[in-house]
Amino acid sequence: MLLKEVCVENYTNIPAAIAAGANRIELNDNLSVGGTTVSRGVMAEAAKYTGEHHVPLVTMIRPRGGNFVYNDTELKIMEADLLQAQSLGVDGVAFGALTADNQLDEEALALLIGAAGGMSITFHMAFDAIPEYQQAAAIDWLVDHDVDRILTHGGPLDQPIADCVSHLQTTIKQAAGRIQILPGGGITTANVADITTTLGVKQAHGTKIINYQ
């Protein structure tokens, strides 16, 4: 069975998305900037509703739009949000942190992974900002630090995902079954079957991956 992770903004669309067949929810605020952390109230209601319907909830941990280079104050905010997600019974979290030259910020990530305290972890599309020739090493580091999956478009978001299939296949090969590769960005009801079949994956991510609105 294909697992469809539906990316939603706020709580509003969660009941409709689950009713339409969403198998996992990624909860965001501000999707126009790529998603940020929702309020405590939204997170609490989402965790309650998804829990009652046995659908895993992944919440975005990102203090602002823009790049993925975070200062100490922003990391403190992210750490607090992670602890809050854990206390509310959220199943998983999505975050990423890079250095100014687009490498994994290993120190920041170690802090965030520690704060996640056993929740499943998605390294989000910050991965696509890492130079392609350095992505294999990044995958190795994420595997070694118990990250569960990488959400990736396989290239710049303004490029159709069909044009990124070749690089996604490379990423999947580099992952070698050690970490899940979750394709996303431009996956819709129209192309999800083709993309996942071509890639040989059993999950996909998107805002329009099911019809529910």
Protein backbone atom coordinates (compact mmCIF):
# COMPACT_ATOMS: atom_id res chain seq x y z
CA MET A 1 0.00 0.00 0.00
CA LEU A 2 1.18 3.52 -0.79
CA LEU A 3 1.49 5.77 2.26
CA LYS A 4 0.31 9.28 1.43
CA GLU A 5 1.63 11.99 3.74
CA VAL A 6 -0.55 15.06 3.35
CA CYS A 7 1.03 18.41 4.08
CA VAL A 8 -1.57 20.69 5.73
CA GLU A 9 -1.63 24.24 7.02
CA ASN A 10 -3.11 24.63 10.49
CA TYR A 11 -5.75 22.28 11.94
CA THR A 12 -8.60 23.21 9.59
CA ASN A 13 -8.10 20.60 6.85
CA ILE A 14 -6.98 17.66 8.97
CA PRO A 15 -10.44 16.01 9.39
CA ALA A 16 -11.15 16.27 5.64
CA ALA A 17 -7.68 14.99 4.71
CA ILE A 18 -8.03 11.95 6.98
CA ALA A 19 -11.55 11.26 5.72
CA ALA A 20 -10.18 11.32 2.16
CA GLY A 21 -7.50 8.77 2.95
CA ALA A 22 -4.41 10.55 4.31
CA ASN A 23 -2.12 7.98 5.96
CA ARG A 24 0.10 10.53 7.70
CA ILE A 25 -0.22 14.27 8.33
CA GLU A 26 2.57 16.83 8.22
CA LEU A 27 1.33 19.83 10.20
CA ASN A 28 2.55 23.33 9.32
CA ASP A 29 1.75 26.97 9.64
CA ASN A 30 2.63 29.42 6.82
CA LEU A 31 2.94 27.04 3.89
CA SER A 32 3.53 30.05 1.65
CA VAL A 33 7.07 30.22 3.10
CA GLY A 34 7.56 26.45 3.09
CA GLY A 35 6.02 25.76 6.50
CA THR A 36 6.74 26.86 10.07
CA THR A 37 5.80 25.58 13.53
CA VAL A 38 2.14 25.86 14.51
CA SER A 39 0.93 27.20 17.85
CA ARG A 40 0.67 24.98 20.91
CA GLY A 41 -3.13 25.01 20.66
CA VAL A 42 -3.12 23.84 17.04
CA MET A 43 -0.54 21.17 17.81
CA ALA A 44 -2.58 19.88 20.78
CA GLU A 45 -5.85 19.61 18.81
CA ALA A 46 -4.11 18.04 15.82
CA ALA A 47 -2.40 15.45 18.04
CA LYS A 48 -5.70 14.63 19.72
CA TYR A 49 -7.64 14.25 16.46
CA THR A 50 -4.99 12.26 14.59
CA GLY A 51 -4.48 10.04 17.64
CA GLU A 52 -8.21 9.25 17.81
CA HIS A 53 -8.12 8.32 14.11
CA HIS A 54 -4.86 6.32 14.33
CA VAL A 55 -3.09 8.50 11.77
CA PRO A 56 0.52 9.47 12.58
CA LEU A 57 1.19 13.20 12.99
CA VAL A 58 4.46 14.84 11.97
CA THR A 59 4.78 18.48 13.00
CA MET A 60 7.13 20.95 11.35
CA ILE A 61 9.72 22.48 13.68
CA ARG A 62 10.87 25.66 11.96
CA PRO A 63 10.84 29.07 13.65
CA ARG A 64 10.63 31.16 10.46
CA GLY A 65 10.71 31.09 6.68
CA GLY A 66 13.88 31.74 4.72
CA ASN A 67 17.09 29.78 4.98
CA PHE A 68 17.96 26.94 7.35
CA VAL A 69 20.85 28.66 9.13
CA TYR A 70 19.75 29.19 12.73
CA ASN A 71 21.27 31.23 15.53
CA ASP A 72 21.36 30.16 19.17
CA THR A 73 18.08 31.87 20.03
CA GLU A 74 16.28 30.20 17.13
CA LEU A 75 17.68 26.83 18.15
CA LYS A 76 16.44 27.43 21.69
CA ILE A 77 12.97 28.11 20.27
CA MET A 78 13.12 24.92 18.17
CA GLU A 79 14.24 22.90 21.18
CA ALA A 80 11.30 24.22 23.23
CA ASP A 81 8.90 23.40 20.37
CA LEU A 82 10.30 19.87 20.16
CA LEU A 83 9.80 19.32 23.89
CA GLN A 84 6.26 20.65 23.55
CA ALA A 85 5.51 18.31 20.63
CA GLN A 86 6.77 15.40 22.70
CA SER A 87 4.64 16.37 25.70
CA LEU A 88 1.54 16.57 23.47
CA GLY A 89 2.06 13.06 22.10
CA VAL A 90 3.05 14.05 18.56
CA ASP A 91 4.40 11.02 16.66
CA GLY A 92 7.07 12.70 14.57
CA VAL A 93 8.82 15.96 13.79
CA ALA A 94 10.36 17.50 10.68
CA PHE A 95 13.32 19.85 10.86
CA GLY A 96 16.65 20.67 9.27
CA ALA A 97 19.62 22.91 10.04
CA LEU A 98 22.47 23.93 7.77
CA THR A 99 25.65 25.94 8.03
CA ALA A 100 26.15 29.10 5.96
CA ASP A 101 27.91 27.04 3.27
CA ASN A 102 24.99 24.57 3.01
CA GLN A 103 26.45 21.68 4.99
CA LEU A 104 24.64 19.87 7.79
CA ASP A 105 24.91 21.92 10.98
CA GLU A 106 25.94 18.87 12.97
CA GLU A 107 26.09 20.66 16.33
CA ALA A 108 22.59 22.15 15.92
CA LEU A 109 21.20 18.87 14.63
CA ALA A 110 22.65 16.90 17.54
CA LEU A 111 20.86 19.28 19.92
CA LEU A 112 17.54 18.97 18.04
CA ILE A 113 17.74 15.20 17.67
CA GLY A 114 18.36 14.95 21.41
CA ALA A 115 15.34 17.15 22.14
CA ALA A 116 13.16 14.99 19.85
CA GLY A 117 13.49 12.28 22.48
CA GLY A 118 12.40 9.25 20.49
CA MET A 119 9.83 10.85 18.20
CA SER A 120 10.33 9.87 14.57
CA ILE A 121 12.45 12.45 12.72
CA THR A 122 12.17 13.69 9.15
CA PHE A 123 15.05 15.77 7.80
CA HIS A 124 13.08 18.10 5.54
CA MET A 125 13.83 19.74 2.20
CA ALA A 126 16.80 21.64 3.60
CA PHE A 127 18.46 18.49 2.23
CA ASP A 128 18.01 19.83 -1.31
CA ALA A 129 20.16 22.88 -0.48
CA ILE A 130 23.17 20.63 0.21
CA PRO A 131 25.42 20.41 -2.88
CA GLU A 132 24.65 17.15 -4.70
CA TYR A 133 28.20 15.81 -4.45
CA GLN A 134 28.03 16.15 -0.65
CA GLN A 135 24.61 14.59 -0.15
CA ALA A 136 25.89 11.01 0.21
CA ALA A 137 28.00 12.07 3.21
CA ALA A 138 24.98 13.91 4.67
CA ILE A 139 22.88 10.74 4.32
CA ASP A 140 25.55 8.76 6.20
CA TRP A 141 25.54 11.28 9.04
CA LEU A 142 21.73 11.29 9.29
CA VAL A 143 21.67 7.48 9.32
CA ASP A 144 24.29 7.41 12.09
CA HIS A 145 22.18 9.81 14.16
CA ASP A 146 18.94 7.81 13.90
CA VAL A 147 17.02 10.14 11.59
CA ASP A 148 14.12 8.14 10.11
CA ARG A 149 13.56 9.77 6.75
CA ILE A 150 14.64 12.47 4.35
CA LEU A 151 11.99 14.58 2.60
CA THR A 152 13.42 15.61 -0.74
CA HIS A 153 12.35 17.04 -4.08
CA GLY A 154 15.57 15.91 -5.71
CA GLY A 155 16.41 19.38 -6.97
CA PRO A 156 15.25 23.02 -6.90
CA LEU A 157 11.55 23.34 -6.06
CA ASP A 158 10.89 25.37 -9.20
CA GLN A 159 11.83 22.31 -11.23
CA PRO A 160 8.99 19.79 -11.88
CA ILE A 161 9.49 16.63 -9.84
CA ALA A 162 9.43 14.56 -13.04
CA ASP A 163 12.71 16.29 -13.98
CA CYS A 164 14.21 15.33 -10.61
CA VAL A 165 13.51 11.58 -10.82
CA SER A 166 17.05 10.71 -11.90
CA HIS A 167 18.62 12.43 -8.89
CA LEU A 168 15.97 10.98 -6.55
CA GLN A 169 16.95 7.53 -7.82
CA THR A 170 20.58 8.33 -6.99
CA THR A 171 19.57 9.44 -3.48
CA ILE A 172 17.55 6.26 -2.93
CA LYS A 173 20.54 4.20 -4.06
CA GLN A 174 22.84 6.09 -1.68
CA ALA A 175 20.37 5.56 1.19
CA ALA A 176 20.52 1.81 0.47
CA GLY A 177 17.55 1.04 2.69
CA ARG A 178 19.21 2.56 5.77
CA ILE A 179 16.91 5.59 5.87
CA GLN A 180 13.56 6.27 4.19
CA ILE A 181 13.57 8.62 1.21
CA LEU A 182 10.27 10.52 1.04
CA PRO A 183 9.74 12.29 -2.30
CA GLY A 184 7.77 15.53 -2.18
CA GLY A 185 7.19 18.90 -3.80
CA GLY A 186 4.88 18.87 -6.80
CA ILE A 187 3.46 15.39 -6.21
CA THR A 188 -0.28 15.35 -6.92
CA THR A 189 -3.11 12.86 -7.35
CA ALA A 190 -2.28 12.92 -11.07
CA ASN A 191 1.37 11.88 -10.84
CA VAL A 192 1.79 10.13 -7.47
CA ALA A 193 1.39 6.61 -8.88
CA ASP A 194 3.88 7.19 -11.71
CA ILE A 195 6.49 8.87 -9.48
CA THR A 196 6.37 6.27 -6.70
CA THR A 197 6.35 3.33 -9.14
CA THR A 198 9.33 4.74 -11.05
CA LEU A 199 11.25 5.35 -7.82
CA GLY A 200 10.19 2.09 -6.19
CA VAL A 201 9.10 3.83 -2.98
CA LYS A 202 6.03 3.15 -0.87
CA GLN A 203 5.39 6.68 0.42
CA ALA A 204 5.04 10.21 -0.93
CA HIS A 205 4.40 13.71 0.41
CA GLY A 206 2.36 16.64 -0.88
CA THR A 207 -0.40 19.19 -0.34
CA LYS A 208 -2.38 17.83 -3.31
CA ILE A 209 -1.56 14.15 -3.01
CA ILE A 210 -5.22 13.35 -2.28
CA ASN A 211 -8.43 15.19 -3.22
CA TYR A 212 -10.06 16.54 -0.10
CA GLN A 213 -10.67 20.29 -0.49
